Protein backbone atom coordinates (compact mmCIF):
# COMPACT_ATOMS: atom_id res chain seq x y z
CA MET A 1 85.27 -16.24 5.70
CA PRO A 2 84.12 -13.38 7.95
CA LEU A 3 82.83 -10.30 6.20
CA ASN A 4 84.84 -7.10 6.30
CA GLY A 5 83.59 -3.70 7.32
CA ASP A 6 82.26 -2.89 3.85
CA VAL A 7 79.41 -5.35 4.29
CA SER A 8 76.72 -4.93 6.94
CA CYS A 9 74.12 -7.44 8.00
CA ALA A 10 70.68 -5.83 7.98
CA PHE A 11 69.58 -7.68 11.08
CA HIS A 12 70.58 -10.54 13.32
CA VAL A 13 68.97 -13.84 12.50
CA SER A 14 66.07 -14.47 14.84
CA PRO A 15 65.88 -17.80 16.69
CA PRO A 16 64.86 -20.53 14.25
CA ARG A 17 61.37 -21.97 14.26
CA GLU A 18 60.92 -25.64 15.12
CA SER A 19 61.04 -26.57 11.44
CA LEU A 20 64.48 -25.02 11.15
CA LYS A 21 66.16 -26.95 13.94
CA ALA A 22 67.10 -29.82 11.66
CA ASP A 23 70.60 -30.27 10.30
CA THR A 24 70.87 -27.34 7.88
CA SER A 25 73.81 -28.98 6.10
CA ARG A 26 71.27 -31.21 4.35
CA LEU A 27 69.14 -28.31 3.12
CA ILE A 28 69.39 -26.68 -0.29
CA ARG A 29 70.95 -23.30 0.39
CA ILE A 30 69.61 -20.48 -1.79
CA LEU A 31 70.94 -16.94 -1.97
CA HIS A 32 68.49 -14.41 -3.40
CA ILE A 33 70.16 -11.28 -4.76
CA ILE A 34 68.10 -8.14 -5.35
CA ALA A 35 68.70 -4.38 -5.29
CA THR A 36 66.42 -3.39 -2.38
CA LEU A 37 63.68 -4.57 -0.06
CA ASP A 38 61.32 -1.73 -0.92
CA PRO A 39 57.68 -2.90 -0.95
CA ALA A 40 57.35 -3.03 -4.75
CA GLY A 41 55.86 -5.91 -6.72
CA THR A 42 58.93 -8.03 -7.42
CA GLU A 43 60.42 -7.46 -3.99
CA ARG A 44 57.20 -8.57 -2.33
CA GLN A 45 57.02 -11.71 -4.48
CA MET A 46 60.59 -12.58 -3.48
CA ALA A 47 59.92 -11.95 0.20
CA GLN A 48 56.77 -14.08 0.13
CA LEU A 49 58.70 -16.87 -1.56
CA CYS A 50 61.47 -16.79 1.05
CA ARG A 51 58.95 -16.88 3.89
CA ARG A 52 57.02 -19.80 2.42
CA LEU A 53 59.71 -22.14 1.05
CA ASP A 54 59.61 -25.62 2.55
CA ARG A 55 62.17 -25.35 5.38
CA GLY A 56 62.54 -29.08 5.41
CA ARG A 57 64.21 -28.77 2.00
CA PHE A 58 65.39 -25.18 1.47
CA LEU A 59 67.35 -22.59 3.46
CA PRO A 60 66.98 -19.11 1.89
CA ALA A 61 68.98 -15.94 2.48
CA VAL A 62 68.77 -12.50 0.86
CA CYS A 63 71.48 -10.09 -0.25
CA CYS A 64 70.44 -6.51 -1.07
CA LEU A 65 72.85 -4.65 -3.31
CA THR A 66 71.76 -1.10 -2.44
CA ARG A 67 69.57 -0.90 0.67
CA GLY A 68 67.10 -2.81 2.78
CA GLY A 69 63.54 -1.65 3.33
CA PRO A 70 60.17 -2.40 4.92
CA LEU A 71 60.22 -6.03 3.78
CA GLU A 72 63.08 -6.85 6.16
CA ALA A 73 60.75 -7.35 9.14
CA PRO A 74 58.69 -10.24 7.72
CA LEU A 75 61.90 -11.85 6.48
CA ARG A 76 63.45 -11.54 9.93
CA GLU A 77 60.37 -13.08 11.50
CA ALA A 78 60.74 -16.03 9.13
CA GLY A 79 64.38 -16.53 10.15
CA VAL A 80 65.81 -15.42 6.80
CA ARG A 81 69.28 -13.88 6.93
CA VAL A 82 69.76 -10.60 5.06
CA TRP A 83 72.85 -8.67 4.02
CA VAL A 84 72.85 -5.07 2.75
CA LEU A 85 75.89 -4.04 0.71
CA HIS A 86 75.21 -0.29 0.27
CA LYS A 87 75.98 -0.10 -3.42
CA GLY A 88 76.97 3.40 -4.50
CA GLY A 89 76.29 4.84 -7.93
CA ARG A 90 75.11 3.04 -11.01
CA TRP A 91 78.62 1.89 -11.94
CA ASP A 92 79.83 0.93 -8.47
CA LEU A 93 81.70 -2.20 -9.56
CA GLY A 94 83.27 -2.37 -6.11
CA ILE A 95 80.06 -4.14 -5.13
CA VAL A 96 81.24 -7.30 -6.92
CA PRO A 97 84.02 -8.25 -4.46
CA ARG A 98 81.71 -7.49 -1.52
CA LEU A 99 79.07 -9.67 -3.07
CA ARG A 100 81.61 -12.44 -3.58
CA GLU A 101 82.34 -12.38 0.16
CA VAL A 102 78.66 -12.94 0.93
CA ILE A 103 78.51 -15.82 -1.53
CA ARG A 104 81.61 -17.42 -0.02
CA GLU A 105 80.18 -17.12 3.48
CA TRP A 106 76.72 -18.46 2.64
CA ARG A 107 77.98 -21.21 0.27
CA PRO A 108 74.74 -21.40 -1.74
CA ASP A 109 73.72 -24.34 -3.85
CA ILE A 110 71.65 -21.92 -5.95
CA VAL A 111 72.05 -18.20 -6.58
CA HIS A 112 68.71 -16.68 -7.59
CA THR A 113 68.90 -13.10 -8.88
CA TRP A 114 66.03 -10.66 -9.38
CA LEU A 115 65.69 -7.61 -11.67
CA PRO A 116 68.27 -6.10 -14.07
CA THR A 117 71.06 -4.90 -11.77
CA ALA A 118 71.15 -8.06 -9.65
CA ASN A 119 70.74 -10.24 -12.73
CA THR A 120 73.97 -8.77 -14.10
CA LEU A 121 76.16 -8.21 -11.03
CA GLY A 122 74.78 -11.11 -9.02
CA ARG A 123 75.35 -13.70 -11.73
CA LEU A 124 78.79 -12.29 -12.47
CA ALA A 125 79.85 -12.57 -8.82
CA ALA A 126 78.38 -16.07 -8.55
CA LEU A 127 80.29 -17.26 -11.60
CA LEU A 128 83.51 -15.80 -10.20
CA CYS A 129 82.85 -17.79 -7.01
CA GLY A 130 82.30 -21.02 -8.94
CA VAL A 131 78.55 -21.31 -8.31
CA ASN A 132 77.20 -23.47 -11.11
CA THR A 133 73.45 -23.32 -10.51
CA LEU A 134 72.30 -19.83 -11.45
CA ILE A 135 68.66 -18.79 -11.78
CA ALA A 136 67.60 -15.32 -12.88
CA SER A 137 64.15 -13.76 -12.63
CA GLU A 138 63.24 -11.47 -15.53
CA ARG A 139 60.09 -9.61 -14.49
CA ALA A 140 59.26 -7.31 -17.42
CA ALA A 141 59.71 -6.85 -21.14
CA ASP A 142 62.42 -4.24 -20.64
CA ALA A 143 62.57 -2.78 -24.14
CA TRP A 144 64.62 0.15 -22.75
CA LYS A 145 67.74 -1.99 -22.50
CA GLY A 146 70.57 -0.97 -24.80
CA TRP A 147 72.91 -3.27 -26.69
CA ALA A 148 75.35 -3.66 -23.77
CA ARG A 149 72.67 -4.84 -21.32
CA ARG A 150 71.16 -7.15 -23.92
CA LEU A 151 74.55 -8.64 -24.65
CA ALA A 152 75.12 -9.19 -20.92
CA ASP A 153 71.69 -10.82 -20.59
CA ARG A 154 72.45 -13.11 -23.52
CA VAL A 155 75.90 -14.14 -22.29
CA LEU A 156 74.83 -14.63 -18.68
CA GLY A 157 71.62 -16.33 -19.79
CA ARG A 158 73.66 -19.03 -21.47
CA ARG A 159 75.47 -19.67 -18.17
CA SER A 160 72.21 -19.85 -16.20
CA ARG A 161 70.34 -23.07 -15.55
CA LEU A 162 66.95 -21.38 -15.69
CA ILE A 163 65.41 -18.00 -16.43
CA LEU A 164 62.16 -17.53 -14.53
CA THR A 165 59.58 -15.02 -15.65
CA ASN A 166 56.02 -14.21 -14.70
CA ALA A 167 54.27 -13.89 -18.08
CA GLU A 168 54.22 -15.53 -21.49
CA ALA A 169 54.70 -12.08 -23.03
CA VAL A 170 57.99 -11.63 -21.17
CA LYS A 171 59.08 -15.09 -22.28
CA ARG A 172 58.47 -14.11 -25.91
CA PHE A 173 60.46 -10.90 -25.38
CA LEU A 174 63.41 -12.84 -23.95
CA ILE A 175 63.41 -15.24 -26.88
CA GLU A 176 62.83 -12.73 -29.68
CA ARG A 177 64.61 -9.62 -28.42
CA ILE A 178 67.32 -10.93 -26.10
CA GLY A 179 68.06 -14.19 -27.90
CA LEU A 180 67.65 -16.62 -25.02
CA ALA A 181 66.88 -20.28 -25.61
CA GLU A 182 63.25 -21.20 -25.00
CA ALA A 183 64.28 -24.40 -23.19
CA ARG A 184 65.91 -22.36 -20.41
CA ILE A 185 62.85 -20.20 -19.69
CA ARG A 186 60.04 -21.09 -17.25
CA VAL A 187 56.89 -19.03 -16.74
CA ILE A 188 55.76 -18.93 -13.13
CA ARG A 189 52.88 -16.50 -12.65
CA ASN A 190 52.84 -14.18 -9.64
CA GLY A 191 51.08 -15.35 -6.51
CA LEU A 192 48.65 -13.59 -4.22
CA ASP A 193 47.48 -14.87 -0.82
CA LEU A 194 43.79 -13.93 -0.65
CA VAL A 195 43.52 -14.67 3.08
CA GLU A 196 46.44 -12.35 3.85
CA PHE A 197 45.15 -9.72 1.41
CA ASP A 198 41.69 -9.74 3.00
CA ALA A 199 43.18 -9.44 6.48
CA LEU A 200 45.19 -6.38 5.44
CA ALA A 201 42.17 -4.85 3.72
CA ALA A 202 40.04 -5.38 6.84
CA ARG A 203 42.43 -3.28 8.92
CA GLY A 204 41.33 -0.19 7.02
CA PRO A 205 43.47 2.83 6.10
CA THR A 206 46.53 3.36 8.28
CA ALA A 207 47.04 7.06 7.46
CA PRO A 208 44.77 10.04 6.74
CA LEU A 209 42.95 10.10 3.42
CA PRO A 210 42.05 13.04 1.18
CA ASP A 211 38.74 14.74 1.83
CA SER A 212 35.92 12.95 0.07
CA GLY A 213 34.29 14.85 -2.74
CA PRO A 214 31.43 14.25 -5.14
CA GLY A 215 31.60 11.68 -7.89
CA PRO A 216 32.94 8.14 -8.23
CA LEU A 217 36.50 7.34 -7.20
CA LEU A 218 39.19 6.04 -9.56
CA GLY A 219 42.45 4.69 -8.20
CA THR A 220 45.91 3.73 -9.39
CA VAL A 221 49.03 2.47 -7.62
CA GLY A 222 52.58 2.63 -8.91
CA ARG A 223 55.89 4.41 -9.09
CA LEU A 224 55.63 7.88 -10.58
CA GLU A 225 58.04 7.36 -13.44
CA PRO A 226 57.64 7.00 -17.22
CA GLN A 227 57.05 3.22 -17.28
CA LYS A 228 53.78 3.54 -15.38
CA GLY A 229 52.24 5.97 -17.88
CA MET A 230 50.62 8.20 -15.25
CA THR A 231 50.77 11.21 -17.56
CA PHE A 232 48.22 9.51 -19.82
CA LEU A 233 45.91 8.80 -16.87
CA VAL A 234 45.97 12.48 -15.86
CA ALA A 235 45.21 13.36 -19.47
CA ALA A 236 42.32 10.86 -19.38
CA MET A 237 40.95 12.74 -16.36
CA GLY A 238 41.00 15.86 -18.52
CA GLU A 239 39.13 14.00 -21.26
CA LEU A 240 36.52 12.84 -18.75
CA LYS A 241 35.98 16.39 -17.52
CA ARG A 242 35.67 17.68 -21.08
CA SER A 243 33.00 15.06 -21.82
CA GLY A 244 31.04 15.96 -18.68
CA VAL A 245 31.90 12.85 -16.63
CA SER A 246 32.51 13.60 -12.95
CA ALA A 247 35.17 11.50 -11.23
CA ARG A 248 37.93 11.74 -8.66
CA LEU A 249 41.35 10.05 -8.86
CA TRP A 250 43.70 8.88 -6.13
CA ILE A 251 47.27 8.29 -7.29
CA VAL A 252 49.08 6.09 -4.76
CA GLY A 253 52.87 6.06 -5.02
CA ASP A 254 55.75 8.44 -5.44
CA GLY A 255 58.64 9.05 -7.76
CA PRO A 256 60.50 11.57 -9.90
CA ASP A 257 57.50 12.44 -12.09
CA ARG A 258 55.28 13.68 -9.28
CA GLY A 259 55.94 17.37 -9.82
CA ASP A 260 55.31 17.12 -13.55
CA LEU A 261 52.09 15.21 -12.96
CA GLU A 262 50.83 17.83 -10.52
CA ARG A 263 51.53 20.57 -13.07
CA GLN A 264 49.83 18.53 -15.78
CA ALA A 265 46.74 18.16 -13.60
CA GLU A 266 46.68 21.95 -13.21
CA ALA A 267 46.99 22.40 -16.96
CA TRP A 268 44.07 20.03 -17.62
CA GLY A 269 41.96 21.81 -15.01
CA VAL A 270 41.56 18.67 -12.88
CA ARG A 271 43.94 19.42 -10.00
CA ASP A 272 41.04 19.57 -7.53
CA SER A 273 39.92 16.09 -8.65
CA VAL A 274 43.34 14.41 -8.50
CA ALA A 275 44.89 13.57 -5.12
CA PHE A 276 48.50 12.40 -4.76
CA LEU A 277 48.66 10.12 -1.73
CA GLY A 278 52.36 9.25 -1.88
CA ARG A 279 53.64 5.89 -0.69
CA ARG A 280 51.20 3.93 1.44
CA ASP A 281 51.34 0.64 3.33
CA ASP A 282 47.55 0.14 3.24
CA VAL A 283 46.97 -0.52 -0.46
CA PRO A 284 44.57 -3.48 0.10
CA ALA A 285 42.30 -1.22 2.17
CA LEU A 286 42.48 1.55 -0.44
CA MET A 287 41.64 -0.85 -3.27
CA ARG A 288 38.23 -1.52 -1.71
CA ARG A 289 37.39 2.19 -1.88
CA PHE A 290 37.90 2.50 -5.63
CA ASP A 291 35.00 2.22 -8.05
CA VAL A 292 37.43 1.47 -10.88
CA PHE A 293 41.14 0.67 -10.77
CA VAL A 294 43.22 2.07 -13.65
CA LEU A 295 46.65 0.85 -14.79
CA PRO A 296 48.07 3.06 -17.60
CA SER A 297 51.49 1.36 -17.92
CA LEU A 298 53.65 1.58 -21.05
CA TRP A 299 55.36 -1.75 -20.35
CA GLU A 300 54.99 -4.41 -17.68
CA GLY A 301 55.67 -7.96 -16.65
CA LEU A 302 52.61 -9.36 -14.92
CA PRO A 303 51.38 -6.47 -12.77
CA ASN A 304 50.74 -7.32 -9.12
CA VAL A 305 48.53 -4.27 -8.62
CA ALA A 306 46.09 -5.55 -11.24
CA LEU A 307 45.84 -8.79 -9.28
CA GLU A 308 45.29 -6.88 -6.04
CA ALA A 309 42.54 -4.77 -7.59
CA GLN A 310 40.78 -7.93 -8.76
CA ALA A 311 41.31 -9.53 -5.34
CA ALA A 312 39.43 -6.51 -3.96
CA SER A 313 36.61 -7.26 -6.45
CA ARG A 314 37.26 -4.10 -8.44
CA PRO A 315 36.99 -3.81 -12.23
CA VAL A 316 40.20 -2.80 -13.99
CA VAL A 317 40.91 -0.50 -16.91
CA ALA A 318 44.43 -1.22 -18.13
CA THR A 319 46.65 -0.98 -21.17
CA THR A 320 47.29 -3.88 -23.54
CA VAL A 321 50.99 -4.12 -22.77
CA ASP A 322 53.07 -7.27 -22.27
CA GLY A 323 51.68 -9.48 -19.51
CA THR A 324 48.75 -7.26 -18.50
CA PRO A 325 46.25 -9.13 -20.76
CA GLU A 326 47.32 -12.31 -18.95
CA ALA A 327 46.38 -10.72 -15.62
CA VAL A 328 43.14 -8.97 -16.67
CA GLY A 329 40.42 -10.68 -18.71
CA ASP A 330 39.31 -8.14 -21.30
CA GLY A 331 35.55 -7.77 -21.14
CA GLU A 332 35.42 -10.23 -18.23
CA THR A 333 37.27 -8.63 -15.31
CA GLY A 334 38.01 -5.27 -16.89
CA LEU A 335 38.58 -3.35 -20.09
CA LEU A 336 41.88 -3.14 -21.97
CA VAL A 337 42.86 -0.13 -24.06
CA PRO A 338 45.92 0.76 -26.15
CA PRO A 339 48.78 2.47 -24.29
CA ARG A 340 49.40 6.20 -24.72
CA GLU A 341 45.77 6.85 -25.71
CA PRO A 342 44.04 8.87 -22.98
CA ALA A 343 40.84 9.29 -25.01
CA ALA A 344 40.40 5.52 -25.24
CA MET A 345 41.16 5.18 -21.54
CA ALA A 346 38.59 7.84 -20.68
CA THR A 347 35.98 6.10 -22.84
CA ALA A 348 36.53 2.78 -21.06
CA ILE A 349 36.39 4.43 -17.63
CA ALA A 350 33.19 6.29 -18.52
CA ALA A 351 31.57 3.07 -19.75
CA LEU A 352 32.19 1.36 -16.41
CA LEU A 353 31.17 4.35 -14.34
CA ALA A 354 27.85 4.45 -16.20
CA ASP A 355 27.09 0.78 -15.47
CA PRO A 356 27.24 -0.22 -11.77
CA GLY A 357 25.95 -3.70 -12.53
CA ARG A 358 28.78 -4.33 -14.96
CA ARG A 359 31.31 -3.08 -12.43
CA GLU A 360 29.94 -5.48 -9.84
CA SER A 361 29.98 -8.49 -12.15
CA MET A 362 33.50 -7.72 -13.37
CA GLY A 363 34.67 -7.33 -9.79
CA ALA A 364 33.28 -10.71 -8.83
CA ALA A 365 34.85 -12.32 -11.90
CA GLY A 366 38.20 -10.71 -11.07
CA ARG A 367 38.15 -12.12 -7.55
CA GLU A 368 37.44 -15.60 -8.93
CA ARG A 369 40.19 -15.23 -11.55
CA VAL A 370 42.81 -14.42 -8.93
CA ALA A 371 41.72 -17.36 -6.76
CA ARG A 372 41.82 -19.73 -9.73
CA MET A 373 44.99 -18.61 -11.52
CA PHE A 374 47.23 -16.66 -9.17
CA GLY A 375 47.39 -18.51 -5.85
CA MET A 376 50.46 -18.01 -3.69
CA GLU A 377 50.84 -21.73 -2.89
CA ARG A 378 51.02 -22.51 -6.61
CA MET A 379 53.74 -19.90 -7.16
CA VAL A 380 55.85 -21.28 -4.32
CA ALA A 381 55.38 -24.93 -5.36
CA GLU A 382 56.32 -24.19 -8.97
CA THR A 383 59.43 -22.29 -7.87
CA GLU A 384 60.48 -25.14 -5.58
CA HIS A 385 60.10 -27.51 -8.52
CA ALA A 386 62.25 -25.18 -10.66
CA TYR A 387 64.98 -25.23 -8.01
CA GLN A 388 64.96 -29.01 -7.91
CA GLU A 389 64.96 -29.20 -11.71
CA ALA A 390 67.95 -26.86 -11.96
CA LEU A 391 69.95 -28.86 -9.42
CA GLU A 392 69.16 -32.15 -11.13
CA GLU A 393 70.25 -30.71 -14.46
CA GLU A 394 73.51 -29.52 -12.90
CA SER A 395 74.07 -32.93 -11.35
CA SER A 396 73.52 -34.66 -14.67
CA HIS A 397 76.21 -32.48 -16.28
CA ALA A 398 78.72 -32.88 -13.46
């Protein structure tokens, strides 16, 4: 069925690579549904997966509910088709019939949804189209969800073949707080390609940087919104100043809390030491400039930025929330502190700044940890196995 004018294709499919010239009717067709293609953690994991799936077995496509983004280009280069549906407000239920048209055109064997909005609307549309093999990716312990969202997750979870998540802590949340069956949940840790990361880091910064000042450099990367806990990091900078520890902080990212954070830095008397860099596309290069990476999140899944900091051989100070202790080895690759406690965060930062040898050994251990536990090839292979498992289960129930 051709799509109507309400649905726009984000780009034309580029000519297929040699590996794609086989009869695509024999391939397992997968439709990934996600809100955007902004370069955030989950979106990047999905894009990497689509680029790296075995094209002798799988044919992926992507449907964005709201907008595309910078990740479209690498998907296009990999021959992945993308639709953008331009979802309106939060309750734009008109997106469901447009999404059903995409599903009918692509005729997927598997619909794989990512993040809360797509997990709800994407699975609903797929069920209405008669798609039986549904897989949802739950990427964080989203304690903010109210009863309606939890009920939807529970009902749709029972109609899904598999729920994929990236941390054991998120799996426990889904079982204990959402009420999903443990047998339906698979933990597949995030993947990071060290060769690709090193190549990006070697390019160096791609935009101007703040003027260098005295003192060691702390860094953080994330959306400037409550989940990321940046207000407690700015407060920790105030605690460091009060205790006589000199340090600078680069905050990479943007979001609705930026103005409040800038005013908070003024109130703590550290505005001259805190630089807001906004969104950047050169995070690997920036990571190598930090003496310590800090992640003050209030809740998480398995944070990609903590993996990237360790890939850059940087020690990490992070909060003990959800999957973060699975990403960062406390006392081995960094120091973990309770969330919402800027004094404890400042103490951990000061301890690392005072001990260059410890920072170096933690950085080396972090690099080894990422190589050993968080390889990209492993993530892709485990996801391919999950797809095959879900289809075999569906076939056995047919």
